[in-house]
Amino acid sequence: MDGAALSLVAEFTSVSAKDADWNEKLDVHGLLVPVYLVVDLQDVEITCFHDPSPHGYRSRTTVSFGEALRVPAPFGCTLDTAF
Protein backbone atom coordinates (compact mmCIF):
# COMPACT_ATOMS: atom_id res chain seq x y z
CA MET A 1 0.00 0.00 0.00
CA ASP A 2 1.19 3.52 -0.73
CA GLY A 3 2.39 4.91 2.60
CA ALA A 4 1.39 8.44 1.60
CA ALA A 5 -2.25 7.37 1.91
CA LEU A 6 -1.85 6.29 5.56
CA SER A 7 -2.53 8.55 8.54
CA LEU A 8 -2.12 5.94 11.26
CA VAL A 9 -0.75 2.42 11.61
CA ALA A 10 -1.42 0.34 14.73
CA GLU A 11 0.34 -2.90 15.61
CA PHE A 12 -0.54 -5.37 18.35
CA THR A 13 2.63 -7.18 19.35
CA SER A 14 2.94 -10.90 19.65
CA VAL A 15 5.90 -12.89 20.90
CA SER A 16 6.81 -13.92 17.35
CA ALA A 17 6.43 -10.47 15.72
CA LYS A 18 7.50 -8.11 18.51
CA ASP A 19 10.98 -7.48 17.08
CA ALA A 20 9.54 -6.58 13.66
CA ASP A 21 6.99 -4.17 15.18
CA TRP A 22 9.65 -2.39 17.25
CA ASN A 23 12.42 -2.37 14.64
CA GLU A 24 11.78 -2.94 10.94
CA LYS A 25 8.23 -1.55 10.85
CA LEU A 26 9.15 1.38 13.07
CA ASP A 27 11.97 2.33 10.70
CA VAL A 28 9.72 2.16 7.64
CA HIS A 29 6.66 3.92 9.11
CA GLY A 30 8.82 6.61 10.74
CA LEU A 31 9.67 8.05 7.35
CA LEU A 32 6.12 8.88 6.30
CA VAL A 33 3.16 7.75 8.47
CA PRO A 34 2.07 10.58 10.84
CA VAL A 35 1.13 8.29 13.75
CA TYR A 36 2.31 4.76 14.60
CA LEU A 37 0.80 3.01 17.62
CA VAL A 38 2.45 -0.06 19.09
CA VAL A 39 0.18 -1.92 21.51
CA ASP A 40 2.69 -4.04 23.41
CA LEU A 41 0.73 -6.95 24.83
CA GLN A 42 3.79 -8.44 26.53
CA ASP A 43 4.85 -5.24 28.38
CA VAL A 44 1.22 -4.07 28.87
CA GLU A 45 1.77 -0.60 27.43
CA ILE A 46 1.03 1.47 24.35
CA THR A 47 3.53 3.68 22.55
CA CYS A 48 2.53 6.44 20.17
CA PHE A 49 5.24 7.48 17.72
CA HIS A 50 4.65 10.73 15.84
CA ASP A 51 6.32 13.54 13.92
CA PRO A 52 7.93 11.49 11.12
CA SER A 53 11.09 12.69 9.41
CA PRO A 54 13.61 11.38 6.86
CA HIS A 55 15.45 9.89 9.87
CA GLY A 56 12.41 8.33 11.59
CA TYR A 57 10.03 9.52 14.28
CA ARG A 58 11.11 12.53 16.32
CA SER A 59 8.63 11.98 19.18
CA ARG A 60 7.12 9.17 21.20
CA THR A 61 4.86 8.78 24.21
CA THR A 62 4.42 5.56 26.18
CA VAL A 63 1.69 4.81 28.73
CA SER A 64 0.68 1.70 30.64
CA PHE A 65 -2.70 0.15 29.89
CA GLY A 66 -5.31 2.07 31.85
CA GLU A 67 -3.67 5.48 31.34
CA ALA A 68 -4.91 8.02 28.79
CA LEU A 69 -2.77 8.34 25.66
CA ARG A 70 -2.71 11.60 23.73
CA VAL A 71 -2.71 10.99 19.97
CA PRO A 72 -1.43 14.12 18.19
CA ALA A 73 -2.38 15.64 14.83
CA PRO A 74 -3.83 14.79 12.47
CA PHE A 75 -6.12 13.17 15.07
CA GLY A 76 -5.75 15.40 18.12
CA CYS A 77 -7.57 13.07 20.49
CA THR A 78 -7.06 11.13 23.70
CA LEU A 79 -7.23 7.35 23.60
CA ASP A 80 -8.78 5.60 26.62
CA THR A 81 -6.64 2.50 27.20
CA ALA A 82 -8.63 1.08 30.11
CA PHE A 83 -10.12 -2.38 29.75
PDB file of N, CA and C in Angstrom:
ATOM      1  N   MET A   1       0.846  -1.176   0.000  1.00  0.00           N
ATOM      2  CA  MET A   1       0.000   0.000   0.000  1.00  0.00           C
ATOM      3  C   MET A   1       0.889   1.237   0.000  1.00  0.00           C
ATOM      4  N   ASP A   2       0.460   2.260  -0.688  1.00  0.00           N
ATOM      5  CA  ASP A   2       1.191   3.520  -0.729  1.00  0.00           C
ATOM      6  C   ASP A   2       1.158   4.175   0.647  1.00  0.00           C
ATOM      7  N   GLY A   3       2.305   4.335   1.263  1.00  0.00           N
ATOM      8  CA  GLY A   3       2.394   4.912   2.595  1.00  0.00           C
ATOM      9  C   GLY A   3       1.869   6.323   2.681  1.00  0.00           C
ATOM     10  N   ALA A   4       1.882   7.061   1.585  1.00  0.00           N
ATOM     11  CA  ALA A   4       1.386   8.440   1.602  1.00  0.00           C
ATOM     12  C   ALA A   4      -0.107   8.495   1.892  1.00  0.00           C
ATOM     13  N   ALA A   5      -0.809   7.406   1.667  1.00  0.00           N
ATOM     14  CA  ALA A   5      -2.251   7.370   1.908  1.00  0.00           C
ATOM     15  C   ALA A   5      -2.592   7.049   3.365  1.00  0.00           C
ATOM     16  N   LEU A   6      -1.600   6.694   4.179  1.00  0.00           N
ATOM     17  CA  LEU A   6      -1.850   6.293   5.558  1.00  0.00           C
ATOM     18  C   LEU A   6      -1.708   7.468   6.517  1.00  0.00           C
ATOM     19  N   SER A   7      -2.626   7.554   7.477  1.00  0.00           N
ATOM     20  CA  SER A   7      -2.534   8.549   8.541  1.00  0.00           C
ATOM     21  C   SER A   7      -2.094   7.919   9.851  1.00  0.00           C
ATOM     22  N   LEU A   8      -2.417   6.632  10.022  1.00  0.00           N
ATOM     23  CA  LEU A   8      -2.117   5.935  11.261  1.00  0.00           C
ATOM     24  C   LEU A   8      -1.927   4.453  10.973  1.00  0.00           C
ATOM     25  N   VAL A   9      -0.945   3.868  11.638  1.00  0.00           N
ATOM     26  CA  VAL A   9      -0.754   2.416  11.613  1.00  0.00           C
ATOM     27  C   VAL A   9      -0.721   1.965  13.063  1.00  0.00           C
ATOM     28  N   ALA A  10      -1.430   0.891  13.376  1.00  0.00           N
ATOM     29  CA  ALA A  10      -1.421   0.337  14.731  1.00  0.00           C
ATOM     30  C   ALA A  10      -1.019  -1.132  14.660  1.00  0.00           C
ATOM     31  N   GLU A  11      -0.132  -1.515  15.536  1.00  0.00           N
ATOM     32  CA  GLU A  11       0.340  -2.895  15.612  1.00  0.00           C
ATOM     33  C   GLU A  11       0.063  -3.428  17.015  1.00  0.00           C
ATOM     34  N   PHE A  12      -0.400  -4.657  17.094  1.00  0.00           N
ATOM     35  CA  PHE A  12      -0.538  -5.369  18.354  1.00  0.00           C
ATOM     36  C   PHE A  12       0.573  -6.403  18.382  1.00  0.00           C
ATOM     37  N   THR A  13       1.477  -6.283  19.331  1.00  0.00           N
ATOM     38  CA  THR A  13       2.632  -7.180  19.351  1.00  0.00           C
ATOM     39  C   THR A  13       2.233  -8.597  19.745  1.00  0.00           C
ATOM     40  N   SER A  14       3.015  -9.515  19.226  1.00  0.00           N
ATOM     41  CA  SER A  14       2.943 -10.905  19.652  1.00  0.00           C
ATOM     42  C   SER A  14       4.375 -11.330  19.918  1.00  0.00           C
ATOM     43  N   VAL A  15       4.557 -12.427  20.597  1.00  0.00           N
ATOM     44  CA  VAL A  15       5.904 -12.893  20.901  1.00  0.00           C
ATOM     45  C   VAL A  15       6.707 -13.072  19.616  1.00  0.00           C
ATOM     46  N   SER A  16       6.082 -13.625  18.579  1.00  0.00           N
ATOM     47  CA  SER A  16       6.814 -13.921  17.347  1.00  0.00           C
ATOM     48  C   SER A  16       7.085 -12.691  16.475  1.00  0.00           C
ATOM     49  N   ALA A  17       6.279 -11.632  16.600  1.00  0.00           N
ATOM     50  CA  ALA A  17       6.432 -10.467  15.718  1.00  0.00           C
ATOM     51  C   ALA A  17       6.910  -9.215  16.434  1.00  0.00           C
ATOM     52  N   LYS A  18       7.160  -9.301  17.731  1.00  0.00           N
ATOM     53  CA  LYS A  18       7.499  -8.109  18.506  1.00  0.00           C
ATOM     54  C   LYS A  18       8.726  -7.386  17.960  1.00  0.00           C
ATOM     55  N   ASP A  19       9.760  -8.114  17.600  1.00  0.00           N
ATOM     56  CA  ASP A  19      10.976  -7.478  17.075  1.00  0.00           C
ATOM     57  C   ASP A  19      10.686  -6.714  15.787  1.00  0.00           C
ATOM     58  N   ALA A  20       9.878  -7.256  14.912  1.00  0.00           N
ATOM     59  CA  ALA A  20       9.543  -6.577  13.657  1.00  0.00           C
ATOM     60  C   ALA A  20       8.756  -5.303  13.925  1.00  0.00           C
ATOM     61  N   ASP A  21       7.801  -5.350  14.865  1.00  0.00           N
ATOM     62  CA  ASP A  21       6.990  -4.170  15.181  1.00  0.00           C
ATOM     63  C   ASP A  21       7.843  -3.044  15.754  1.00  0.00           C
ATOM     64  N   TRP A  22       8.812  -3.395  16.581  1.00  0.00           N
ATOM     65  CA  TRP A  22       9.647  -2.388  17.254  1.00  0.00           C
ATOM     66  C   TRP A  22      10.864  -1.970  16.440  1.00  0.00           C
ATOM     67  N   ASN A  23      11.211  -2.693  15.403  1.00  0.00           N
ATOM     68  CA  ASN A  23      12.420  -2.373  14.643  1.00  0.00           C
ATOM     69  C   ASN A  23      12.123  -2.096  13.170  1.00  0.00           C
ATOM     70  N   GLU A  24      11.933  -3.127  12.378  1.00  0.00           N
ATOM     71  CA  GLU A  24      11.778  -2.935  10.939  1.00  0.00           C
ATOM     72  C   GLU A  24      10.584  -2.044  10.596  1.00  0.00           C
ATOM     73  N   LYS A  25       9.429  -2.337  11.171  1.00  0.00           N
ATOM     74  CA  LYS A  25       8.234  -1.554  10.848  1.00  0.00           C
ATOM     75  C   LYS A  25       8.364  -0.126  11.359  1.00  0.00           C
ATOM     76  N   LEU A  26       8.941   0.044  12.524  1.00  0.00           N
ATOM     77  CA  LEU A  26       9.148   1.383  13.074  1.00  0.00           C
ATOM     78  C   LEU A  26      10.021   2.215  12.138  1.00  0.00           C
ATOM     79  N   ASP A  27      11.072   1.615  11.618  1.00  0.00           N
ATOM     80  CA  ASP A  27      11.967   2.325  10.704  1.00  0.00           C
ATOM     81  C   ASP A  27      11.250   2.750   9.424  1.00  0.00           C
ATOM     82  N   VAL A  28      10.425   1.873   8.884  1.00  0.00           N
ATOM     83  CA  VAL A  28       9.715   2.164   7.637  1.00  0.00           C
ATOM     84  C   VAL A  28       8.620   3.207   7.865  1.00  0.00           C
ATOM     85  N   HIS A  29       7.768   2.997   8.854  1.00  0.00           N
ATOM     86  CA  HIS A  29       6.658   3.920   9.112  1.00  0.00           C
ATOM     87  C   HIS A  29       7.167   5.297   9.524  1.00  0.00           C
ATOM     88  N   GLY A  30       8.283   5.346  10.228  1.00  0.00           N
ATOM     89  CA  GLY A  30       8.822   6.606  10.738  1.00  0.00           C
ATOM     90  C   GLY A  30       9.266   7.583   9.685  1.00  0.00           C
ATOM     91  N   LEU A  31       9.294   7.154   8.449  1.00  0.00           N
ATOM     92  CA  LEU A  31       9.670   8.047   7.354  1.00  0.00           C
ATOM     93  C   LEU A  31       8.483   8.827   6.802  1.00  0.00           C
ATOM     94  N   LEU A  32       7.251   8.311   7.016  1.00  0.00           N
ATOM     95  CA  LEU A  32       6.119   8.875   6.302  1.00  0.00           C
ATOM     96  C   LEU A  32       4.789   8.898   7.061  1.00  0.00           C
ATOM     97  N   VAL A  33       4.477   7.865   7.825  1.00  0.00           N
ATOM     98  CA  VAL A  33       3.164   7.748   8.469  1.00  0.00           C
ATOM     99  C   VAL A  33       3.113   8.685   9.685  1.00  0.00           C
ATOM    100  N   PRO A  34       2.125   9.598   9.751  1.00  0.00           N
ATOM    101  CA  PRO A  34       2.069  10.579  10.842  1.00  0.00           C
ATOM    102  C   PRO A  34       2.018   9.981  12.244  1.00  0.00           C
ATOM    103  N   VAL A  35       1.277   8.889  12.426  1.00  0.00           N
ATOM    104  CA  VAL A  35       1.130   8.292  13.754  1.00  0.00           C
ATOM    105  C   VAL A  35       1.274   6.780  13.651  1.00  0.00           C
ATOM    106  N   TYR A  36       2.116   6.216  14.522  1.00  0.00           N
ATOM    107  CA  TYR A  36       2.308   4.764  14.596  1.00  0.00           C
ATOM    108  C   TYR A  36       2.098   4.353  16.046  1.00  0.00           C
ATOM    109  N   LEU A  37       1.092   3.515  16.286  1.00  0.00           N
ATOM    110  CA  LEU A  37       0.798   3.014  17.623  1.00  0.00           C
ATOM    111  C   LEU A  37       1.290   1.578  17.740  1.00  0.00           C
ATOM    112  N   VAL A  38       2.028   1.306  18.803  1.00  0.00           N
ATOM    113  CA  VAL A  38       2.448  -0.063  19.091  1.00  0.00           C
ATOM    114  C   VAL A  38       1.798  -0.462  20.406  1.00  0.00           C
ATOM    115  N   VAL A  39       0.865  -1.397  20.329  1.00  0.00           N
ATOM    116  CA  VAL A  39       0.185  -1.920  21.508  1.00  0.00           C
ATOM    117  C   VAL A  39       0.976  -3.144  21.924  1.00  0.00           C
ATOM    118  N   ASP A  40       1.775  -2.984  22.971  1.00  0.00           N
ATOM    119  CA  ASP A  40       2.692  -4.036  23.405  1.00  0.00           C
ATOM    120  C   ASP A  40       1.988  -4.913  24.434  1.00  0.00           C
ATOM    121  N   LEU A  41       1.501  -6.047  23.965  1.00  0.00           N
ATOM    122  CA  LEU A  41       0.734  -6.951  24.826  1.00  0.00           C
ATOM    123  C   LEU A  41       1.606  -7.670  25.840  1.00  0.00           C
ATOM    124  N   GLN A  42       2.899  -7.773  25.584  1.00  0.00           N
ATOM    125  CA  GLN A  42       3.790  -8.435  26.526  1.00  0.00           C
ATOM    126  C   GLN A  42       4.190  -7.484  27.669  1.00  0.00           C
ATOM    127  N   ASP A  43       4.437  -6.213  27.350  1.00  0.00           N
ATOM    128  CA  ASP A  43       4.845  -5.238  28.378  1.00  0.00           C
ATOM    129  C   ASP A  43       3.667  -4.443  28.930  1.00  0.00           C
ATOM    130  N   VAL A  44       2.455  -4.688  28.418  1.00  0.00           N
ATOM    131  CA  VAL A  44       1.217  -4.074  28.874  1.00  0.00           C
ATOM    132  C   VAL A  44       1.306  -2.542  28.811  1.00  0.00           C
ATOM    133  N   GLU A  45       1.692  -2.040  27.632  1.00  0.00           N
ATOM    134  CA  GLU A  45       1.773  -0.603  27.432  1.00  0.00           C
ATOM    135  C   GLU A  45       1.557  -0.267  25.956  1.00  0.00           C
ATOM    136  N   ILE A  46       1.259   0.993  25.711  1.00  0.00           N
ATOM    137  CA  ILE A  46       1.034   1.474  24.350  1.00  0.00           C
ATOM    138  C   ILE A  46       1.986   2.632  24.096  1.00  0.00           C
ATOM    139  N   THR A  47       2.635   2.600  22.937  1.00  0.00           N
ATOM    140  CA  THR A  47       3.528   3.683  22.546  1.00  0.00           C
ATOM    141  C   THR A  47       2.989   4.333  21.285  1.00  0.00           C
ATOM    142  N   CYS A  48       2.949   5.646  21.311  1.00  0.00           N
ATOM    143  CA  CYS A  48       2.529   6.441  20.167  1.00  0.00           C
ATOM    144  C   CYS A  48       3.758   7.162  19.617  1.00  0.00           C
ATOM    145  N   PHE A  49       4.156   6.803  18.411  1.00  0.00           N
ATOM    146  CA  PHE A  49       5.245   7.482  17.720  1.00  0.00           C
ATOM    147  C   PHE A  49       4.611   8.508  16.789  1.00  0.00           C
ATOM    148  N   HIS A  50       5.199   9.696  16.716  1.00  0.00           N
ATOM    149  CA  HIS A  50       4.647  10.726  15.836  1.00  0.00           C
ATOM    150  C   HIS A  50       5.749  11.686  15.395  1.00  0.00           C
ATOM    151  N   ASP A  51       5.391  12.575  14.498  1.00  0.00           N
ATOM    152  CA  ASP A  51       6.320  13.541  13.924  1.00  0.00           C
ATOM    153  C   ASP A  51       7.391  12.839  13.089  1.00  0.00           C
ATOM    154  N   PRO A  52       6.973  12.198  11.968  1.00  0.00           N
ATOM    155  CA  PRO A  52       7.930  11.487  11.115  1.00  0.00           C
ATOM    156  C   PRO A  52       8.908  12.443  10.441  1.00  0.00           C
ATOM    157  N   SER A  53      10.061  11.914  10.097  1.00  0.00           N
ATOM    158  CA  SER A  53      11.089  12.689   9.411  1.00  0.00           C
ATOM    159  C   SER A  53      11.884  11.742   8.512  1.00  0.00           C
ATOM    160  N   PRO A  54      12.777  12.259   7.690  1.00  0.00           N
ATOM    161  CA  PRO A  54      13.609  11.384   6.861  1.00  0.00           C
ATOM    162  C   PRO A  54      14.499  10.450   7.688  1.00  0.00           C
ATOM    163  N   HIS A  55      14.620  10.719   8.987  1.00  0.00           N
ATOM    164  CA  HIS A  55      15.451   9.894   9.869  1.00  0.00           C
ATOM    165  C   HIS A  55      14.621   9.085  10.865  1.00  0.00           C
ATOM    166  N   GLY A  56      13.296   9.062  10.687  1.00  0.00           N
ATOM    167  CA  GLY A  56      12.414   8.334  11.589  1.00  0.00           C
ATOM    168  C   GLY A  56      11.628   9.280  12.483  1.00  0.00           C
ATOM    169  N   TYR A  57      10.872   8.711  13.396  1.00  0.00           N
ATOM    170  CA  TYR A  57      10.027   9.523  14.278  1.00  0.00           C
ATOM    171  C   TYR A  57      10.873  10.378  15.223  1.00  0.00           C
ATOM    172  N   ARG A  58      10.416  11.614  15.416  1.00  0.00           N
ATOM    173  CA  ARG A  58      11.105  12.527  16.323  1.00  0.00           C
ATOM    174  C   ARG A  58      10.513  12.498  17.724  1.00  0.00           C
ATOM    175  N   SER A  59       9.298  11.959  17.883  1.00  0.00           N
ATOM    176  CA  SER A  59       8.629  11.983  19.184  1.00  0.00           C
ATOM    177  C   SER A  59       7.938  10.662  19.475  1.00  0.00           C
ATOM    178  N   ARG A  60       7.841  10.368  20.774  1.00  0.00           N
ATOM    179  CA  ARG A  60       7.121   9.172  21.202  1.00  0.00           C
ATOM    180  C   ARG A  60       6.598   9.387  22.612  1.00  0.00           C
ATOM    181  N   THR A  61       5.464   8.752  22.890  1.00  0.00           N
ATOM    182  CA  THR A  61       4.856   8.780  24.213  1.00  0.00           C
ATOM    183  C   THR A  61       4.444   7.357  24.547  1.00  0.00           C
ATOM    184  N   THR A  62       4.785   6.902  25.738  1.00  0.00           N
ATOM    185  CA  THR A  62       4.421   5.558  26.178  1.00  0.00           C
ATOM    186  C   THR A  62       3.610   5.648  27.458  1.00  0.00           C
ATOM    187  N   VAL A  63       2.505   4.901  27.512  1.00  0.00           N
ATOM    188  CA  VAL A  63       1.686   4.806  28.726  1.00  0.00           C
ATOM    189  C   VAL A  63       1.382   3.340  29.001  1.00  0.00           C
ATOM    190  N   SER A  64       1.142   3.038  30.261  1.00  0.00           N
ATOM    191  CA  SER A  64       0.681   1.704  30.644  1.00  0.00           C
ATOM    192  C   SER A  64      -0.801   1.585  30.333  1.00  0.00           C
ATOM    193  N   PHE A  65      -1.270   0.357  30.086  1.00  0.00           N
ATOM    194  CA  PHE A  65      -2.698   0.150  29.892  1.00  0.00           C
ATOM    195  C   PHE A  65      -3.432   0.754  31.082  1.00  0.00           C
ATOM    196  N   GLY A  66      -4.523   1.426  30.811  1.00  0.00           N
ATOM    197  CA  GLY A  66      -5.312   2.070  31.851  1.00  0.00           C
ATOM    198  C   GLY A  66      -5.077   3.566  31.929  1.00  0.00           C
ATOM    199  N   GLU A  67      -3.959   4.045  31.363  1.00  0.00           N
ATOM    200  CA  GLU A  67      -3.673   5.480  31.337  1.00  0.00           C
ATOM    201  C   GLU A  67      -4.152   6.063  30.013  1.00  0.00           C
ATOM    202  N   ALA A  68      -4.496   7.344  30.019  1.00  0.00           N
ATOM    203  CA  ALA A  68      -4.907   8.018  28.794  1.00  0.00           C
ATOM    204  C   ALA A  68      -3.681   8.273  27.923  1.00  0.00           C
ATOM    205  N   LEU A  69      -3.852   8.110  26.616  1.00  0.00           N
ATOM    206  CA  LEU A  69      -2.767   8.339  25.660  1.00  0.00           C
ATOM    207  C   LEU A  69      -3.193   9.436  24.696  1.00  0.00           C
ATOM    208  N   ARG A  70      -2.442  10.494  24.659  1.00  0.00           N
ATOM    209  CA  ARG A  70      -2.706  11.597  23.731  1.00  0.00           C
ATOM    210  C   ARG A  70      -2.186  11.212  22.345  1.00  0.00           C
ATOM    211  N   VAL A  71      -3.066  11.263  21.361  1.00  0.00           N
ATOM    212  CA  VAL A  71      -2.711  10.990  19.970  1.00  0.00           C
ATOM    213  C   VAL A  71      -2.710  12.341  19.252  1.00  0.00           C
ATOM    214  N   PRO A  72      -1.543  12.782  18.771  1.00  0.00           N
ATOM    215  CA  PRO A  72      -1.432  14.117  18.186  1.00  0.00           C
ATOM    216  C   PRO A  72      -2.044  14.218  16.784  1.00  0.00           C
ATOM    217  N   ALA A  73      -1.899  15.381  16.183  1.00  0.00           N
ATOM    218  CA  ALA A  73      -2.381  15.644  14.827  1.00  0.00           C
ATOM    219  C   ALA A  73      -1.843  14.569  13.884  1.00  0.00           C
ATOM    220  N   PRO A  74      -2.607  14.155  12.943  1.00  0.00           N
ATOM    221  CA  PRO A  74      -3.827  14.785  12.465  1.00  0.00           C
ATOM    222  C   PRO A  74      -5.098  14.375  13.219  1.00  0.00           C
ATOM    223  N   PHE A  75      -4.948  13.637  14.318  1.00  0.00           N
ATOM    224  CA  PHE A  75      -6.121  13.169  15.066  1.00  0.00           C
ATOM    225  C   PHE A  75      -6.477  14.077  16.226  1.00  0.00           C
ATOM    226  N   GLY A  76      -5.502  14.488  17.013  1.00  0.00           N
ATOM    227  CA  GLY A  76      -5.752  15.399  18.119  1.00  0.00           C
ATOM    228  C   GLY A  76      -6.799  14.888  19.097  1.00  0.00           C
ATOM    229  N   CYS A  77      -6.605  13.664  19.571  1.00  0.00           N
ATOM    230  CA  CYS A  77      -7.571  13.071  20.492  1.00  0.00           C
ATOM    231  C   CYS A  77      -6.837  12.350  21.624  1.00  0.00           C
ATOM    232  N   THR A  78      -7.606  11.923  22.599  1.00  0.00           N
ATOM    233  CA  THR A  78      -7.062  11.131  23.698  1.00  0.00           C
ATOM    234  C   THR A  78      -7.668   9.748  23.632  1.00  0.00           C
ATOM    235  N   LEU A  79      -6.823   8.741  23.683  1.00  0.00           N
ATOM    236  CA  LEU A  79      -7.233   7.346  23.603  1.00  0.00           C
ATOM    237  C   LEU A  79      -7.371   6.779  25.007  1.00  0.00           C
ATOM    238  N   ASP A  80      -8.547   6.257  25.331  1.00  0.00           N
ATOM    239  CA  ASP A  80      -8.782   5.603  26.620  1.00  0.00           C
ATOM    240  C   ASP A  80      -8.254   4.173  26.511  1.00  0.00           C
ATOM    241  N   THR A  81      -7.252   3.831  27.303  1.00  0.00           N
ATOM    242  CA  THR A  81      -6.641   2.502  27.200  1.00  0.00           C
ATOM    243  C   THR A  81      -7.099   1.548  28.298  1.00  0.00           C
ATOM    244  N   ALA A  82      -8.106   1.946  29.053  1.00  0.00           N
ATOM    245  CA  ALA A  82      -8.630   1.081  30.110  1.00  0.00           C
ATOM    246  C   ALA A  82      -9.390  -0.080  29.499  1.00  0.00           C
ATOM    247  N   PHE A  83      -9.374  -1.206  30.201  1.00  0.00           N
ATOM    248  CA  PHE A  83     -10.118  -2.378  29.745  1.00  0.00           C
ATOM    249  C   PHE A  83     -11.563  -2.235  30.095  1.00  0.00           C
TER     250      PHE A  83
END
